[in-house]
Protein backbone atom coordinates (compact mmCIF):
# COMPACT_ATOMS: atom_id res chain seq x y z
CA UNK A 1 0.00 0.00 0.00
CA UNK A 2 1.41 3.37 -0.99
CA UNK A 3 1.93 5.70 1.91
CA UNK A 4 3.63 8.98 2.79
CA UNK A 5 6.18 9.32 5.57
CA UNK A 6 6.80 12.84 6.88
CA UNK A 7 9.69 14.19 8.90
CA UNK A 8 10.72 17.56 10.26
CA UNK A 9 8.64 20.22 11.92
CA UNK A 10 8.83 21.52 15.45
CA UNK A 11 9.20 24.82 17.25
CA UNK A 12 11.18 27.72 15.82
CA UNK A 13 11.52 31.42 16.58
CA UNK A 14 10.24 34.07 14.17
CA UNK A 15 12.74 34.60 11.38
CA UNK A 16 14.09 31.10 11.71
CA UNK A 17 14.10 28.17 9.31
CA UNK A 18 12.80 24.62 9.24
CA UNK A 19 12.88 21.82 6.72
CA UNK A 20 10.14 19.29 6.12
CA UNK A 21 10.59 16.09 4.16
CA UNK A 22 8.12 13.58 2.80
CA UNK A 23 8.84 10.25 1.19
CA UNK A 24 6.40 8.21 -0.87
CA UNK A 25 6.78 4.49 -0.45
CA UNK A 26 5.87 3.51 -4.02
CA UNK A 27 6.16 5.69 -7.11
CA UNK A 28 6.96 3.57 -10.15
CA UNK A 29 7.12 5.76 -13.24
CA UNK A 30 7.16 9.02 -11.24
CA UNK A 31 3.43 9.55 -11.58
CA UNK A 32 2.75 11.57 -8.46
CA UNK A 33 2.78 15.31 -7.99
CA UNK A 34 3.94 15.88 -4.42
CA UNK A 35 3.67 18.80 -2.08
CA UNK A 36 2.58 20.32 1.20
CA UNK A 37 -0.60 21.82 2.51
CA UNK A 38 -1.21 23.34 5.93
CA UNK A 39 -4.10 23.92 8.26
CA UNK A 40 -4.11 26.40 11.12
CA UNK A 41 -6.70 26.24 13.91
CA UNK A 42 -10.04 27.55 12.72
CA UNK A 43 -8.88 27.86 9.11
CA UNK A 44 -9.25 25.82 5.95
CA UNK A 45 -6.46 23.69 4.63
CA UNK A 46 -4.40 25.64 2.10
CA UNK A 47 -1.71 24.97 -0.44
CA UNK A 48 1.84 25.68 0.67
CA UNK A 49 3.84 24.30 -2.26
CA UNK A 50 3.68 21.54 -4.85
CA UNK A 51 6.33 19.92 -7.01
CA UNK A 52 4.66 19.17 -10.33
CA UNK A 53 5.87 16.28 -12.46
CA UNK A 54 7.54 17.79 -15.54
CA UNK A 55 6.28 21.20 -14.55
CA UNK A 56 7.07 24.27 -12.51
CA UNK A 57 6.50 24.26 -8.77
CA UNK A 58 3.43 25.96 -7.35
CA UNK A 59 3.42 28.10 -4.21
CA UNK A 60 0.78 29.62 -2.02
CA UNK A 61 0.82 33.41 -2.13
CA UNK A 62 1.78 33.82 1.51
CA UNK A 63 4.97 31.74 1.21
CA UNK A 64 6.33 32.92 -2.14
CA UNK A 65 9.91 34.08 -1.79
CA UNK A 66 10.33 32.40 1.60
CA UNK A 67 9.71 28.70 1.03
CA UNK A 68 11.36 26.43 -1.51
CA UNK A 69 10.16 23.00 -2.56
CA UNK A 70 12.53 20.48 -4.08
CA UNK A 71 12.51 16.84 -5.04
CA UNK A 72 15.23 14.22 -4.81
CA UNK A 73 16.60 12.75 -8.02
CA UNK A 74 14.72 9.49 -7.41
CA UNK A 75 11.54 11.58 -7.32
CA UNK A 76 10.34 9.79 -4.21
CA UNK A 77 11.15 12.44 -1.59
CA UNK A 78 10.07 16.05 -1.54
CA UNK A 79 11.58 18.67 0.75
CA UNK A 80 10.15 21.97 1.90
CA UNK A 81 12.72 24.51 3.02
CA UNK A 82 10.94 27.15 5.07
CA UNK A 83 12.83 30.39 5.68
CA UNK A 84 11.93 33.67 7.37
CA UNK A 85 9.21 31.92 9.30
CA UNK A 86 6.44 34.02 10.80
CA UNK A 87 3.95 33.27 13.57
CA UNK A 88 1.29 33.11 10.83
CA UNK A 89 3.05 30.04 9.46
CA UNK A 90 2.07 28.10 12.56
CA UNK A 91 -0.05 25.15 11.44
CA UNK A 92 -0.18 21.42 10.93
CA UNK A 93 1.60 20.68 7.66
CA UNK A 94 0.37 17.76 5.58
CA UNK A 95 2.25 16.02 2.82
CA UNK A 96 0.15 15.35 -0.26
CA UNK A 97 0.68 13.17 -3.31
CA UNK A 98 -1.64 13.30 -6.30
CA UNK A 99 -1.59 10.70 -9.05
CA UNK A 100 -1.21 12.62 -12.28
CA UNK A 101 -3.54 10.46 -14.39
CA UNK A 102 -6.55 9.74 -12.18
CA UNK A 103 -6.19 12.45 -9.56
CA UNK A 104 -6.12 10.00 -6.68
CA UNK A 105 -4.70 11.68 -3.59
CA UNK A 106 -2.71 10.45 -0.63
CA UNK A 107 -2.19 12.37 2.60
CA UNK A 108 0.38 12.16 5.34
CA UNK A 109 -0.58 12.25 8.99
CA UNK A 110 0.62 15.83 9.45
CA UNK A 111 3.44 17.45 11.34
CA UNK A 112 3.17 20.46 13.63
CA UNK A 113 5.11 23.62 12.86
CA UNK A 114 5.02 26.30 15.55
CA UNK A 115 6.63 29.71 15.09
CA UNK A 116 6.84 31.52 18.39
CA UNK A 117 9.27 33.44 20.54
């Protein structure tokens, strides 16, 4: 069964950096777009960044210029480098994988990111 394994997250001061990683257990043929969404208390889940197969990465407006998404050469792990973190970035971050042909989605269990002094 294909699954997503997340790592990273934690507590950081404003202005600091964190790195999240997510590995997909099965991705023959590199057919999954992979990325991160986040959900803060009382808010809807929103796109943070996505690495698109054979395409340009997508970013949410609030993280453009601060966050960078990258993918390992085996295409099975995606990393989210988060810089200049702000308290508003505090949320549970969820890894997402979307199959590019049928749209089927997988979700990770989520990892907490807290930005606070």
